[in-house]
């Protein structure tokens, strides 16, 4: 793995393909050959996404706002580790949220 340094504030928001309308993301790390990915995800107000699973572990750190999942409210400052192949969601956010998401194969 190569060392990588970026300033995320200088990285433009992109439309988040495969997510509900209005969702944006900034890719911070795109690993080669399934070596993981790190993004900032900005959920728009009214965000609503069905439950799903991944082939990698998924980590969430909520930086601002909040979302609801599986009957619980997760607020800014909350960290979650979701093991691979674990169904999680659905996800809803009334006012929106910004989340650091890390997908890693280990």
Foldseek 3Di string as FASTA:
>chain_A
DDDDDDDQVPFDWDADPPFPPPKTKGWPDDDPPQAKTKMKIKAAAFGWAAKDFALFKKKKAWQAAWKDWPRDIDGHGDIDIHGGPHTIDGITGRHITIIIMMTGRD
